Protein backbone atom coordinates (compact mmCIF):
# COMPACT_ATOMS: atom_id res chain seq x y z
CA UNK A 1 -25.95 2.22 17.85
CA UNK A 2 -26.75 4.70 15.13
CA UNK A 3 -29.22 3.83 13.23
CA UNK A 4 -27.72 3.25 9.51
CA UNK A 5 -27.96 5.88 6.95
CA UNK A 6 -29.60 5.29 3.27
CA UNK A 7 -25.98 4.74 1.50
CA UNK A 8 -25.21 2.22 4.30
CA UNK A 9 -28.44 0.50 3.85
CA UNK A 10 -27.84 0.30 -0.05
CA UNK A 11 -24.58 -1.09 0.01
CA UNK A 12 -25.28 -3.82 2.80
CA UNK A 13 -28.40 -4.62 0.40
CA UNK A 14 -26.62 -5.00 -2.96
CA UNK A 15 -23.05 -5.30 -2.27
CA UNK A 16 -22.69 -6.77 0.96
CA UNK A 17 -20.98 -10.42 1.73
CA UNK A 18 -22.13 -12.77 4.55
CA UNK A 19 -19.60 -12.55 6.92
CA UNK A 20 -19.12 -13.38 10.85
CA UNK A 21 -17.18 -10.30 11.39
CA UNK A 22 -19.54 -7.08 13.28
CA UNK A 23 -20.21 -4.37 11.00
CA UNK A 24 -18.22 -2.22 12.56
CA UNK A 25 -15.45 -4.22 12.88
CA UNK A 26 -15.62 -4.99 8.51
CA UNK A 27 -16.19 -1.10 8.28
CA UNK A 28 -13.23 -0.45 10.09
CA UNK A 29 -10.84 -3.12 7.95
CA UNK A 30 -12.10 -1.98 5.26
CA UNK A 31 -11.91 1.59 5.53
CA UNK A 32 -8.16 0.84 6.44
CA UNK A 33 -7.64 -1.76 3.46
CA UNK A 34 -9.15 1.34 1.00
CA UNK A 35 -6.04 3.59 2.69
CA UNK A 36 -3.50 1.08 2.26
CA UNK A 37 -4.78 0.48 -1.00
CA UNK A 38 -4.30 3.75 -2.06
CA UNK A 39 -0.84 4.30 -0.96
CA UNK A 40 0.41 1.25 -2.74
CA UNK A 41 -1.03 2.57 -6.08
CA UNK A 42 0.25 5.92 -5.56
CA UNK A 43 3.51 3.75 -4.90
CA UNK A 44 3.15 1.84 -7.79
CA UNK A 45 3.12 5.14 -9.94
CA UNK A 46 5.78 6.89 -8.05
CA UNK A 47 8.25 2.99 -8.51
CA UNK A 48 7.21 3.33 -12.71
CA UNK A 49 7.84 6.81 -12.40
CA UNK A 50 11.49 6.72 -11.36
CA UNK A 51 11.98 3.00 -12.99
CA UNK A 52 11.39 5.05 -16.09
CA UNK A 53 12.96 8.00 -15.37
CA UNK A 54 16.40 6.60 -14.50
CA UNK A 55 19.68 7.81 -15.84
CA UNK A 56 22.98 7.60 -14.47
CA UNK A 57 26.40 5.27 -14.08
CA UNK A 58 23.63 2.15 -11.88
CA UNK A 59 21.13 2.53 -14.22
CA UNK A 60 20.16 -0.33 -15.50
CA UNK A 61 20.51 -2.44 -11.79
CA UNK A 62 18.43 0.07 -10.36
CA UNK A 63 16.02 0.30 -13.50
CA UNK A 64 15.63 -3.77 -12.72
CA UNK A 65 15.43 -3.23 -9.28
CA UNK A 66 12.42 -0.60 -9.64
CA UNK A 67 10.65 -2.66 -12.09
CA UNK A 68 10.99 -5.65 -9.99
CA UNK A 69 9.35 -3.67 -6.83
CA UNK A 70 6.57 -1.74 -9.10
CA UNK A 71 5.22 -5.61 -10.13
CA UNK A 72 5.64 -6.58 -7.02
CA UNK A 73 3.52 -3.21 -5.43
CA UNK A 74 1.27 -4.01 -7.98
CA UNK A 75 0.41 -7.57 -7.50
CA UNK A 76 -1.20 -6.17 -3.41
CA UNK A 77 -3.87 -4.55 -5.59
CA UNK A 78 -6.59 -6.56 -6.43
CA UNK A 79 -6.16 -9.27 -3.26
CA UNK A 80 -6.26 -6.37 -1.09
CA UNK A 81 -9.30 -4.85 -2.65
CA UNK A 82 -10.98 -8.16 -2.82
CA UNK A 83 -10.06 -8.76 0.15
CA UNK A 84 -12.50 -5.95 1.32
CA UNK A 85 -15.26 -7.04 -0.69
CA UNK A 86 -14.79 -10.55 0.63
CA UNK A 87 -15.84 -9.25 3.92
CA UNK A 88 -18.44 -7.26 3.25
CA UNK A 89 -16.66 -3.95 2.85
CA UNK A 90 -16.32 -1.75 0.03
CA UNK A 91 -13.39 -0.03 -1.35
CA UNK A 92 -11.30 2.26 -3.79
CA UNK A 93 -13.62 3.99 -6.47
CA UNK A 94 -11.48 6.16 -8.52
CA UNK A 95 -8.68 8.27 -9.24
CA UNK A 96 -9.76 11.24 -6.70
CA UNK A 97 -10.38 8.62 -3.93
CA UNK A 98 -6.65 7.19 -4.06
CA UNK A 99 -5.77 11.28 -3.61
CA UNK A 100 -7.55 11.81 -1.00
CA UNK A 101 -6.41 8.44 1.06
CA UNK A 102 -2.75 8.00 0.54
CA UNK A 103 -0.05 9.20 2.78
CA UNK A 104 2.10 8.98 -0.03
CA UNK A 105 3.21 11.98 -1.15
CA UNK A 106 3.35 12.54 -5.18
CA UNK A 107 7.20 13.44 -6.68
CA UNK A 108 6.10 15.50 -9.84
CA UNK A 109 10.26 16.80 -10.71
CA UNK A 110 11.41 16.73 -13.91
CA UNK A 111 14.66 15.46 -12.89
CA UNK A 112 15.38 13.06 -9.87
CA UNK A 113 18.94 11.78 -8.63
CA UNK A 114 19.04 8.34 -8.79
CA UNK A 115 20.30 8.19 -5.39
CA UNK A 116 16.75 10.73 -4.16
CA UNK A 117 14.69 8.49 -6.00
CA UNK A 118 15.73 5.25 -4.16
CA UNK A 119 16.28 7.08 -0.87
CA UNK A 120 12.10 8.80 -1.06
CA UNK A 121 10.81 5.02 -2.45
CA UNK A 122 12.62 3.63 0.62
CA UNK A 123 10.84 6.19 3.06
CA UNK A 124 7.90 5.67 0.81
CA UNK A 125 8.02 1.83 1.47
CA UNK A 126 8.55 2.66 5.91
CA UNK A 127 5.43 4.67 5.12
CA UNK A 128 3.55 2.42 3.65
CA UNK A 129 4.70 -0.73 6.60
CA UNK A 130 3.61 1.78 9.73
CA UNK A 131 -0.02 1.22 7.40
CA UNK A 132 -0.07 -1.95 7.12
CA UNK A 133 0.58 -2.91 10.37
CA UNK A 134 -1.91 -0.15 11.67
CA UNK A 135 -4.49 -1.94 9.72
CA UNK A 136 -2.82 -5.43 11.10
CA UNK A 137 -3.86 -4.11 14.46
CA UNK A 138 -7.34 -2.96 13.56
CA UNK A 139 -8.02 -6.77 12.19
CA UNK A 140 -6.86 -8.23 15.15
CA UNK A 141 -9.14 -6.03 16.87
CA UNK A 142 -11.58 -7.53 14.53
CA UNK A 143 -10.62 -11.26 15.05
CA UNK A 144 -10.54 -10.89 11.15
CA UNK A 145 -7.08 -13.79 10.59
CA UNK A 146 -7.38 -13.98 7.29
CA UNK A 147 -6.92 -10.10 6.61
CA UNK A 148 -4.27 -10.16 9.12
CA UNK A 149 -2.21 -13.04 7.45
CA UNK A 150 -2.29 -11.35 4.22
CA UNK A 151 -0.97 -7.86 6.10
CA UNK A 152 1.72 -10.07 6.96
CA UNK A 153 2.54 -10.76 3.82
CA UNK A 154 2.81 -7.24 2.14
CA UNK A 155 4.74 -5.99 5.66
CA UNK A 156 7.07 -8.91 4.36
CA UNK A 157 7.42 -8.05 1.28
CA UNK A 158 7.28 -4.05 1.65
CA UNK A 159 10.38 -4.60 4.64
CA UNK A 160 12.09 -6.36 1.59
CA UNK A 161 12.03 -3.59 -0.40
CA UNK A 162 12.55 -1.31 1.92
CA UNK A 163 15.67 -3.27 3.03
CA UNK A 164 17.09 -3.10 -0.53
CA UNK A 165 16.34 0.10 -1.33
CA UNK A 166 18.38 0.56 1.99
CA UNK A 167 21.43 -1.07 0.84
CA UNK A 168 21.17 0.37 -2.71
CA UNK A 169 21.71 3.77 -1.12
CA UNK A 170 24.29 3.28 1.91
CA UNK A 171 27.17 5.72 1.08
CA UNK A 172 30.22 3.75 2.45
CA UNK A 173 30.36 0.32 2.57
CA UNK A 174 29.62 -1.24 6.63
CA UNK A 175 28.02 2.61 7.06
CA UNK A 176 24.73 3.13 8.36
CA UNK A 177 22.69 5.93 8.58
């Protein structure tokens, strides 16, 4: 077992929360939560970007869909960050850290078609689902059932968003691509 460094000792002394989870498992789960929290913030900003820049004949429906989805995504942030703190870990500190940890790519294009917006968000939600499942595996290994339970709800919500985006981008009724 490696000796904790000064930074880890400082965190334990000033930010440590009592838990029955093993310290190495807390560190792994908290790190996983920070990565998916970065994804959630990045997905929130991208969803709002596309919400603000939506155009076309389905404007109202897509605009409202993305507004609803962005609210749901943002609602994940505080419980996710606080869960890391509840088990004695730390969470994100800055925009820069979000940029370093996220797997969600930016889209700074001046114009994106509505269909491409929805398809990109569909894929981003699939990415988030995969990353949430990976953290769930860490929770299982740590016997952290409370975090796993929260993740299960967030996976379900993310799958629902993916489903709605998928159905909104189908080119023909009944055809799956």
